[in-house]
Amino acid sequence: MLIRIDVDSPRPLFEQVAAAIRADIAAARIAPGDRLPAAREVAAALDINQHTVLHAYQQLRDEGLVDLRRGRGATVAASAAPLAELSHDIRALIARAVDLGLSPAILAALVEEAAV
């Protein structure tokens, strides 16, 4: 698992960490049951505060993607499995849109409209 952050980004660091982990789950690089690195290790590797990483883990827990257990750390939740499947469907939708010559903006507008 590779987490990258941009300290110059206006996006909070904890959101960047959570987004990187979320992307790894969606891409099936990490799967339900896999253990995430300790917050202390991630913080040291990224040179950020440990509480920032814990905040990211808590956000992922609130989304149902990560289980947090005191003394056992963070693991990818079983409920995260559909995210990888959905990611596959999204990539197929994007490929179909490209085949049809649709721009990303038009595809985004169609998805947004369908979600309402």
N, C-alpha and C. Protein backbone atom coordinates (compact mmCIF):
# COMPACT_ATOMS: atom_id res chain seq x y z
N MET A 1 0.85 -1.17 0.00
CA MET A 1 0.00 0.00 0.00
C MET A 1 0.90 1.24 0.00
N LEU A 2 0.61 2.13 -0.94
CA LEU A 2 1.40 3.35 -1.06
C LEU A 2 0.47 4.54 -0.86
N ILE A 3 0.78 5.33 0.14
CA ILE A 3 -0.02 6.53 0.42
C ILE A 3 0.82 7.74 0.08
N ARG A 4 0.27 8.58 -0.75
CA ARG A 4 0.95 9.83 -1.10
C ARG A 4 0.09 10.99 -0.66
N ILE A 5 0.75 12.02 -0.16
CA ILE A 5 0.04 13.23 0.23
C ILE A 5 0.71 14.43 -0.42
N ASP A 6 -0.06 15.49 -0.56
CA ASP A 6 0.45 16.74 -1.10
C ASP A 6 0.26 17.80 -0.03
N VAL A 7 1.33 18.17 0.63
CA VAL A 7 1.23 19.14 1.73
C VAL A 7 0.80 20.51 1.24
N ASP A 8 0.91 20.77 -0.06
CA ASP A 8 0.50 22.06 -0.60
C ASP A 8 -0.97 22.06 -1.05
N SER A 9 -1.60 20.93 -0.99
CA SER A 9 -3.00 20.82 -1.40
C SER A 9 -3.91 21.49 -0.36
N PRO A 10 -5.00 22.10 -0.82
CA PRO A 10 -5.95 22.66 0.14
C PRO A 10 -6.77 21.57 0.84
N ARG A 11 -6.70 20.36 0.31
CA ARG A 11 -7.43 19.23 0.89
C ARG A 11 -6.73 18.80 2.17
N PRO A 12 -7.47 18.62 3.28
CA PRO A 12 -6.84 18.21 4.54
C PRO A 12 -6.06 16.90 4.40
N LEU A 13 -4.99 16.79 5.16
CA LEU A 13 -4.13 15.61 5.09
C LEU A 13 -4.90 14.33 5.40
N PHE A 14 -5.77 14.36 6.41
CA PHE A 14 -6.49 13.14 6.77
C PHE A 14 -7.37 12.68 5.62
N GLU A 15 -7.94 13.61 4.86
CA GLU A 15 -8.76 13.24 3.71
C GLU A 15 -7.91 12.63 2.60
N GLN A 16 -6.69 13.13 2.44
CA GLN A 16 -5.79 12.57 1.44
C GLN A 16 -5.40 11.14 1.80
N VAL A 17 -5.13 10.91 3.08
CA VAL A 17 -4.77 9.56 3.54
C VAL A 17 -5.95 8.63 3.33
N ALA A 18 -7.15 9.07 3.75
CA ALA A 18 -8.34 8.24 3.60
C ALA A 18 -8.62 7.95 2.12
N ALA A 19 -8.46 8.94 1.27
CA ALA A 19 -8.70 8.75 -0.17
C ALA A 19 -7.73 7.74 -0.76
N ALA A 20 -6.48 7.76 -0.33
CA ALA A 20 -5.49 6.82 -0.84
C ALA A 20 -5.86 5.39 -0.44
N ILE A 21 -6.29 5.21 0.78
CA ILE A 21 -6.68 3.87 1.25
C ILE A 21 -7.96 3.43 0.54
N ARG A 22 -8.91 4.34 0.41
CA ARG A 22 -10.16 4.05 -0.29
C ARG A 22 -9.87 3.60 -1.72
N ALA A 23 -8.94 4.28 -2.37
CA ALA A 23 -8.57 3.93 -3.75
C ALA A 23 -7.94 2.54 -3.80
N ASP A 24 -7.11 2.20 -2.81
CA ASP A 24 -6.50 0.87 -2.77
C ASP A 24 -7.56 -0.21 -2.57
N ILE A 25 -8.57 0.08 -1.77
CA ILE A 25 -9.67 -0.88 -1.58
C ILE A 25 -10.44 -1.04 -2.89
N ALA A 26 -10.77 0.08 -3.53
CA ALA A 26 -11.54 0.04 -4.78
C ALA A 26 -10.79 -0.68 -5.88
N ALA A 27 -9.47 -0.55 -5.90
CA ALA A 27 -8.66 -1.19 -6.93
C ALA A 27 -8.28 -2.63 -6.55
N ALA A 28 -8.79 -3.09 -5.42
CA ALA A 28 -8.52 -4.44 -4.91
C ALA A 28 -7.04 -4.68 -4.62
N ARG A 29 -6.30 -3.61 -4.35
CA ARG A 29 -4.91 -3.77 -3.92
C ARG A 29 -4.85 -4.22 -2.46
N ILE A 30 -5.89 -3.88 -1.71
CA ILE A 30 -6.07 -4.40 -0.36
C ILE A 30 -7.50 -4.93 -0.29
N ALA A 31 -7.69 -6.00 0.44
CA ALA A 31 -8.97 -6.70 0.44
C ALA A 31 -9.51 -6.84 1.86
N PRO A 32 -10.80 -7.17 1.97
CA PRO A 32 -11.36 -7.40 3.31
C PRO A 32 -10.52 -8.39 4.10
N GLY A 33 -10.27 -8.01 5.34
CA GLY A 33 -9.44 -8.82 6.23
C GLY A 33 -7.99 -8.39 6.27
N ASP A 34 -7.55 -7.65 5.27
CA ASP A 34 -6.16 -7.18 5.27
C ASP A 34 -5.97 -6.14 6.37
N ARG A 35 -4.84 -6.23 7.01
CA ARG A 35 -4.52 -5.29 8.08
C ARG A 35 -3.85 -4.05 7.50
N LEU A 36 -4.28 -2.90 7.95
CA LEU A 36 -3.65 -1.64 7.56
C LEU A 36 -2.44 -1.41 8.45
N PRO A 37 -1.46 -0.68 7.95
CA PRO A 37 -0.30 -0.38 8.80
C PRO A 37 -0.73 0.42 10.03
N ALA A 38 0.03 0.27 11.08
CA ALA A 38 -0.25 1.03 12.30
C ALA A 38 -0.19 2.52 12.00
N ALA A 39 -1.06 3.28 12.62
CA ALA A 39 -1.11 4.72 12.40
C ALA A 39 0.25 5.36 12.67
N ARG A 40 0.95 4.85 13.66
CA ARG A 40 2.27 5.38 13.99
C ARG A 40 3.25 5.20 12.83
N GLU A 41 3.19 4.03 12.18
CA GLU A 41 4.07 3.75 11.05
C GLU A 41 3.75 4.65 9.86
N VAL A 42 2.47 4.81 9.56
CA VAL A 42 2.06 5.65 8.44
C VAL A 42 2.47 7.09 8.70
N ALA A 43 2.23 7.55 9.91
CA ALA A 43 2.58 8.93 10.27
C ALA A 43 4.08 9.17 10.13
N ALA A 44 4.87 8.22 10.58
CA ALA A 44 6.32 8.36 10.48
C ALA A 44 6.77 8.36 9.02
N ALA A 45 6.18 7.48 8.22
CA ALA A 45 6.56 7.40 6.81
C ALA A 45 6.20 8.66 6.04
N LEU A 46 5.07 9.27 6.40
CA LEU A 46 4.60 10.47 5.69
C LEU A 46 5.05 11.76 6.36
N ASP A 47 5.68 11.64 7.52
CA ASP A 47 6.10 12.79 8.31
C ASP A 47 4.93 13.70 8.65
N ILE A 48 3.85 13.05 9.15
CA ILE A 48 2.67 13.79 9.61
C ILE A 48 2.32 13.30 11.01
N ASN A 49 1.38 13.96 11.64
CA ASN A 49 0.97 13.62 12.98
C ASN A 49 0.19 12.31 13.00
N GLN A 50 0.43 11.49 14.01
CA GLN A 50 -0.27 10.21 14.15
C GLN A 50 -1.78 10.40 14.24
N HIS A 51 -2.22 11.48 14.87
CA HIS A 51 -3.66 11.73 15.01
C HIS A 51 -4.31 12.02 13.65
N THR A 52 -3.54 12.54 12.72
CA THR A 52 -4.04 12.77 11.37
C THR A 52 -4.39 11.43 10.72
N VAL A 53 -3.52 10.45 10.87
CA VAL A 53 -3.76 9.12 10.32
C VAL A 53 -4.93 8.46 11.04
N LEU A 54 -4.99 8.60 12.35
CA LEU A 54 -6.12 8.04 13.10
C LEU A 54 -7.43 8.67 12.66
N HIS A 55 -7.42 9.96 12.36
CA HIS A 55 -8.62 10.64 11.86
C HIS A 55 -9.04 10.02 10.53
N ALA A 56 -8.08 9.74 9.66
CA ALA A 56 -8.38 9.11 8.37
C ALA A 56 -8.97 7.72 8.60
N TYR A 57 -8.38 6.94 9.48
CA TYR A 57 -8.89 5.60 9.78
C TYR A 57 -10.31 5.68 10.35
N GLN A 58 -10.56 6.66 11.20
CA GLN A 58 -11.89 6.82 11.77
C GLN A 58 -12.91 7.20 10.70
N GLN A 59 -12.51 8.04 9.75
CA GLN A 59 -13.41 8.39 8.65
C GLN A 59 -13.76 7.14 7.84
N LEU A 60 -12.76 6.32 7.56
CA LEU A 60 -13.00 5.08 6.82
C LEU A 60 -13.87 4.12 7.63
N ARG A 61 -13.70 4.12 8.94
CA ARG A 61 -14.56 3.30 9.80
C ARG A 61 -16.00 3.78 9.70
N ASP A 62 -16.19 5.10 9.74
CA ASP A 62 -17.53 5.67 9.66
C ASP A 62 -18.20 5.37 8.31
N GLU A 63 -17.38 5.18 7.28
CA GLU A 63 -17.89 4.83 5.95
C GLU A 63 -18.14 3.33 5.82
N GLY A 64 -17.75 2.56 6.82
CA GLY A 64 -17.94 1.12 6.80
C GLY A 64 -16.87 0.37 6.03
N LEU A 65 -15.75 1.03 5.75
CA LEU A 65 -14.69 0.39 4.97
C LEU A 65 -13.60 -0.24 5.83
N VAL A 66 -13.49 0.20 7.07
CA VAL A 66 -12.42 -0.26 7.96
C VAL A 66 -13.00 -0.61 9.32
N ASP A 67 -12.48 -1.67 9.91
CA ASP A 67 -12.81 -2.03 11.29
C ASP A 67 -11.63 -1.61 12.16
N LEU A 68 -11.94 -0.91 13.24
CA LEU A 68 -10.91 -0.50 14.20
C LEU A 68 -11.14 -1.25 15.50
N ARG A 69 -10.09 -1.90 15.99
CA ARG A 69 -10.18 -2.61 17.25
C ARG A 69 -8.97 -2.26 18.11
N ARG A 70 -9.28 -1.84 19.31
CA ARG A 70 -8.22 -1.44 20.22
C ARG A 70 -7.26 -2.62 20.44
N GLY A 71 -5.99 -2.34 20.26
CA GLY A 71 -4.97 -3.35 20.46
C GLY A 71 -4.75 -4.27 19.26
N ARG A 72 -5.68 -4.25 18.30
CA ARG A 72 -5.54 -5.12 17.12
C ARG A 72 -5.35 -4.32 15.85
N GLY A 73 -5.55 -3.02 15.93
CA GLY A 73 -5.32 -2.16 14.78
C GLY A 73 -6.51 -2.06 13.85
N ALA A 74 -6.22 -1.66 12.63
CA ALA A 74 -7.25 -1.43 11.61
C ALA A 74 -7.16 -2.50 10.54
N THR A 75 -8.32 -3.02 10.16
CA THR A 75 -8.39 -3.98 9.06
C THR A 75 -9.47 -3.54 8.09
N VAL A 76 -9.33 -3.96 6.85
CA VAL A 76 -10.35 -3.67 5.85
C VAL A 76 -11.59 -4.49 6.20
N ALA A 77 -12.72 -3.83 6.28
CA ALA A 77 -13.97 -4.47 6.68
C ALA A 77 -14.53 -5.34 5.56
N ALA A 78 -15.25 -6.36 5.94
CA ALA A 78 -15.90 -7.24 4.97
C ALA A 78 -16.88 -6.45 4.11
N SER A 79 -17.47 -5.42 4.70
CA SER A 79 -18.45 -4.60 3.97
C SER A 79 -17.80 -3.77 2.86
N ALA A 80 -16.48 -3.78 2.78
CA ALA A 80 -15.77 -3.02 1.74
C ALA A 80 -15.71 -3.78 0.42
N ALA A 81 -16.03 -5.06 0.42
CA ALA A 81 -15.91 -5.89 -0.79
C ALA A 81 -16.67 -5.32 -1.99
N PRO A 82 -17.89 -4.82 -1.82
CA PRO A 82 -18.61 -4.30 -3.00
C PRO A 82 -17.94 -3.09 -3.65
N LEU A 83 -17.07 -2.40 -2.91
CA LEU A 83 -16.40 -1.23 -3.48
C LEU A 83 -15.52 -1.62 -4.67
N ALA A 84 -14.81 -2.73 -4.56
CA ALA A 84 -13.97 -3.19 -5.66
C ALA A 84 -14.83 -3.58 -6.86
N GLU A 85 -15.97 -4.22 -6.59
CA GLU A 85 -16.88 -4.60 -7.66
C GLU A 85 -17.45 -3.36 -8.34
N LEU A 86 -17.85 -2.38 -7.55
CA LEU A 86 -18.38 -1.14 -8.10
C LEU A 86 -17.32 -0.41 -8.91
N SER A 87 -16.08 -0.43 -8.44
CA SER A 87 -15.00 0.20 -9.17
C SER A 87 -14.84 -0.43 -10.55
N HIS A 88 -14.97 -1.74 -10.62
CA HIS A 88 -14.90 -2.45 -11.91
C HIS A 88 -16.02 -1.98 -12.83
N ASP A 89 -17.23 -1.85 -12.28
CA ASP A 89 -18.37 -1.37 -13.08
C ASP A 89 -18.15 0.05 -13.58
N ILE A 90 -17.55 0.88 -12.74
CA ILE A 90 -17.30 2.27 -13.12
C ILE A 90 -16.28 2.32 -14.26
N ARG A 91 -15.23 1.51 -14.16
CA ARG A 91 -14.25 1.48 -15.24
C ARG A 91 -14.87 1.01 -16.56
N ALA A 92 -15.80 0.05 -16.47
CA ALA A 92 -16.50 -0.42 -17.67
C ALA A 92 -17.38 0.69 -18.24
N LEU A 93 -18.03 1.45 -17.38
CA LEU A 93 -18.86 2.57 -17.83
C LEU A 93 -18.00 3.63 -18.51
N ILE A 94 -16.86 3.93 -17.94
CA ILE A 94 -15.95 4.92 -18.54
C ILE A 94 -15.47 4.44 -19.90
N ALA A 95 -15.11 3.17 -20.00
CA ALA A 95 -14.66 2.63 -21.28
C ALA A 95 -15.77 2.73 -22.33
N ARG A 96 -17.00 2.45 -21.93
CA ARG A 96 -18.14 2.54 -22.86
C ARG A 96 -18.35 3.99 -23.29
N ALA A 97 -18.22 4.92 -22.36
CA ALA A 97 -18.39 6.34 -22.69
C ALA A 97 -17.31 6.80 -23.67
N VAL A 98 -16.09 6.33 -23.46
CA VAL A 98 -15.00 6.68 -24.38
C VAL A 98 -15.30 6.13 -25.77
N ASP A 99 -15.78 4.88 -25.82
CA ASP A 99 -16.15 4.27 -27.11
C ASP A 99 -17.21 5.09 -27.84
N LEU A 100 -18.11 5.71 -27.07
CA LEU A 100 -19.18 6.52 -27.65
C LEU A 100 -18.75 7.95 -27.93
N GLY A 101 -17.53 8.29 -27.53
CA GLY A 101 -17.02 9.63 -27.77
C GLY A 101 -17.52 10.68 -26.78
N LEU A 102 -18.01 10.24 -25.63
CA LEU A 102 -18.49 11.18 -24.62
C LEU A 102 -17.33 11.76 -23.83
N SER A 103 -17.41 13.03 -23.52
CA SER A 103 -16.37 13.66 -22.70
C SER A 103 -16.59 13.29 -21.23
N PRO A 104 -15.54 13.40 -20.42
CA PRO A 104 -15.71 13.15 -18.99
C PRO A 104 -16.77 14.05 -18.35
N ALA A 105 -16.88 15.29 -18.82
CA ALA A 105 -17.87 16.21 -18.27
C ALA A 105 -19.29 15.73 -18.56
N ILE A 106 -19.52 15.26 -19.78
CA ILE A 106 -20.85 14.76 -20.14
C ILE A 106 -21.17 13.50 -19.33
N LEU A 107 -20.21 12.60 -19.22
CA LEU A 107 -20.43 11.39 -18.43
C LEU A 107 -20.75 11.74 -16.98
N ALA A 108 -20.00 12.67 -16.42
CA ALA A 108 -20.24 13.08 -15.03
C ALA A 108 -21.64 13.66 -14.88
N ALA A 109 -22.07 14.47 -15.85
CA ALA A 109 -23.39 15.06 -15.80
C ALA A 109 -24.46 13.98 -15.88
N LEU A 110 -24.26 12.98 -16.72
CA LEU A 110 -25.22 11.88 -16.84
C LEU A 110 -25.32 11.08 -15.55
N VAL A 111 -24.19 10.81 -14.93
CA VAL A 111 -24.17 10.07 -13.67
C VAL A 111 -24.86 10.89 -12.58
N GLU A 112 -24.53 12.17 -12.52
CA GLU A 112 -25.14 13.03 -11.51
C GLU A 112 -26.65 13.09 -11.68
N GLU A 113 -27.10 13.21 -12.93
CA GLU A 113 -28.53 13.28 -13.21
C GLU A 113 -29.22 11.97 -12.84
N ALA A 114 -28.58 10.86 -13.10
CA ALA A 114 -29.16 9.55 -12.79
C ALA A 114 -29.24 9.30 -11.28
N ALA A 115 -28.35 9.93 -10.52
CA ALA A 115 -28.32 9.73 -9.08
C ALA A 115 -29.43 10.47 -8.36
N VAL A 116 -30.06 11.40 -9.04
CA VAL A 116 -31.10 12.21 -8.38
C VAL A 116 -32.42 11.50 -8.36
